[in-house]
Amino acid sequence: MLLAEVNGSLSAIGYGLAAIGPGIGVGLVFAAYIQATARQPESSKLTLPYVWIGFALIELLALLGIAFGFVFK
């Protein structure tokens, strides 16, 4: 007697779990920028490029996670 059958790939579940890390990382980067700008508003233009670099690197990890999910199916 067959009760349930699972079809498909588990890589989608793996990517969903792996996307939690970059989501938290992006939140931390922007929270740190907002806190730094609130403490010293005159330094906001100086720190903004570092925010975008950090954001891009974290999103790169998320994109690599989805790419490896498709590659190593």
C-alpha atoms as a PDB file:
ATOM      1  CA  MET A   1       0.000   0.000   0.000  1.00  0.00           C
ATOM      2  CA  LEU A   2       1.501   3.323  -1.132  1.00  0.00           C
ATOM      3  CA  LEU A   3       0.496   6.226   1.090  1.00  0.00           C
ATOM      4  CA  ALA A   4       2.429   9.129  -0.404  1.00  0.00           C
ATOM      5  CA  GLU A   5       4.842   9.627  -3.235  1.00  0.00           C
ATOM      6  CA  VAL A   6       7.366  12.444  -3.473  1.00  0.00           C
ATOM      7  CA  ASN A   7       8.293  13.589  -6.962  1.00  0.00           C
ATOM      8  CA  GLY A   8      10.711  16.275  -8.016  1.00  0.00           C
ATOM      9  CA  SER A   9      14.014  17.572  -6.855  1.00  0.00           C
ATOM     10  CA  LEU A  10      15.137  18.317  -3.335  1.00  0.00           C
ATOM     11  CA  SER A  11      17.410  21.064  -4.630  1.00  0.00           C
ATOM     12  CA  ALA A  12      14.503  23.521  -4.461  1.00  0.00           C
ATOM     13  CA  ILE A  13      14.131  22.804  -0.754  1.00  0.00           C
ATOM     14  CA  GLY A  14      17.894  23.115  -0.324  1.00  0.00           C
ATOM     15  CA  TYR A  15      17.929  26.484  -2.054  1.00  0.00           C
ATOM     16  CA  GLY A  16      15.030  27.672   0.039  1.00  0.00           C
ATOM     17  CA  LEU A  17      16.978  26.834   3.165  1.00  0.00           C
ATOM     18  CA  ALA A  18      20.166  28.336   1.734  1.00  0.00           C
ATOM     19  CA  ALA A  19      18.368  31.609   0.922  1.00  0.00           C
ATOM     20  CA  ILE A  20      17.804  32.240   4.619  1.00  0.00           C
ATOM     21  CA  GLY A  21      21.471  33.158   5.131  1.00  0.00           C
ATOM     22  CA  PRO A  22      21.688  35.839   2.426  1.00  0.00           C
ATOM     23  CA  GLY A  23      18.344  37.231   3.554  1.00  0.00           C
ATOM     24  CA  ILE A  24      19.647  37.696   7.075  1.00  0.00           C
ATOM     25  CA  GLY A  25      22.941  39.068   5.720  1.00  0.00           C
ATOM     26  CA  VAL A  26      21.239  41.736   3.614  1.00  0.00           C
ATOM     27  CA  GLY A  27      19.175  42.775   6.599  1.00  0.00           C
ATOM     28  CA  LEU A  28      22.278  43.083   8.756  1.00  0.00           C
ATOM     29  CA  VAL A  29      24.148  45.144   6.149  1.00  0.00           C
ATOM     30  CA  PHE A  30      21.355  47.678   5.751  1.00  0.00           C
ATOM     31  CA  ALA A  31      20.656  47.763   9.493  1.00  0.00           C
ATOM     32  CA  ALA A  32      24.310  48.594  10.135  1.00  0.00           C
ATOM     33  CA  TYR A  33      24.198  51.334   7.493  1.00  0.00           C
ATOM     34  CA  ILE A  34      21.065  52.858   8.989  1.00  0.00           C
ATOM     35  CA  GLN A  35      22.591  52.758  12.460  1.00  0.00           C
ATOM     36  CA  ALA A  36      25.854  54.319  11.256  1.00  0.00           C
ATOM     37  CA  THR A  37      23.963  57.049   9.403  1.00  0.00           C
ATOM     38  CA  ALA A  38      21.818  57.755  12.447  1.00  0.00           C
ATOM     39  CA  ARG A  39      24.921  58.168  14.603  1.00  0.00           C
ATOM     40  CA  GLN A  40      26.908  60.270  12.121  1.00  0.00           C
ATOM     41  CA  PRO A  41      24.749  61.641   9.287  1.00  0.00           C
ATOM     42  CA  GLU A  42      27.686  63.370   7.617  1.00  0.00           C
ATOM     43  CA  SER A  43      29.362  60.021   6.912  1.00  0.00           C
ATOM     44  CA  SER A  44      26.446  58.583   4.951  1.00  0.00           C
ATOM     45  CA  LYS A  45      27.954  59.369   1.532  1.00  0.00           C
ATOM     46  CA  LEU A  46      31.241  57.827   2.619  1.00  0.00           C
ATOM     47  CA  THR A  47      29.743  54.515   3.782  1.00  0.00           C
ATOM     48  CA  LEU A  48      27.133  54.050   1.046  1.00  0.00           C
ATOM     49  CA  PRO A  49      29.532  52.437  -1.488  1.00  0.00           C
ATOM     50  CA  TYR A  50      30.499  49.838   1.106  1.00  0.00           C
ATOM     51  CA  VAL A  51      26.835  49.035   1.633  1.00  0.00           C
ATOM     52  CA  TRP A  52      26.362  48.295  -2.064  1.00  0.00           C
ATOM     53  CA  ILE A  53      29.526  46.199  -2.211  1.00  0.00           C
ATOM     54  CA  GLY A  54      28.382  44.157   0.777  1.00  0.00           C
ATOM     55  CA  PHE A  55      24.905  43.798  -0.697  1.00  0.00           C
ATOM     56  CA  ALA A  56      26.326  42.620  -4.028  1.00  0.00           C
ATOM     57  CA  LEU A  57      28.585  40.034  -2.404  1.00  0.00           C
ATOM     58  CA  ILE A  58      25.766  38.636  -0.293  1.00  0.00           C
ATOM     59  CA  GLU A  59      23.450  38.425  -3.297  1.00  0.00           C
ATOM     60  CA  LEU A  60      26.237  36.687  -5.219  1.00  0.00           C
ATOM     61  CA  LEU A  61      26.152  33.934  -2.612  1.00  0.00           C
ATOM     62  CA  ALA A  62      22.393  33.573  -3.105  1.00  0.00           C
ATOM     63  CA  LEU A  63      22.785  33.388  -6.889  1.00  0.00           C
ATOM     64  CA  LEU A  64      25.549  30.809  -6.554  1.00  0.00           C
ATOM     65  CA  GLY A  65      23.270  28.765  -4.333  1.00  0.00           C
ATOM     66  CA  ILE A  66      20.503  28.666  -6.933  1.00  0.00           C
ATOM     67  CA  ALA A  67      22.974  27.971  -9.749  1.00  0.00           C
ATOM     68  CA  PHE A  68      24.515  25.050  -7.891  1.00  0.00           C
ATOM     69  CA  GLY A  69      21.026  23.789  -7.153  1.00  0.00           C
ATOM     70  CA  PHE A  70      20.409  23.487 -10.888  1.00  0.00           C
ATOM     71  CA  VAL A  71      23.866  22.150 -11.721  1.00  0.00           C
ATOM     72  CA  PHE A  72      24.050  19.408  -9.093  1.00  0.00           C
ATOM     73  CA  LYS A  73      20.558  18.069  -9.585  1.00  0.00           C
END
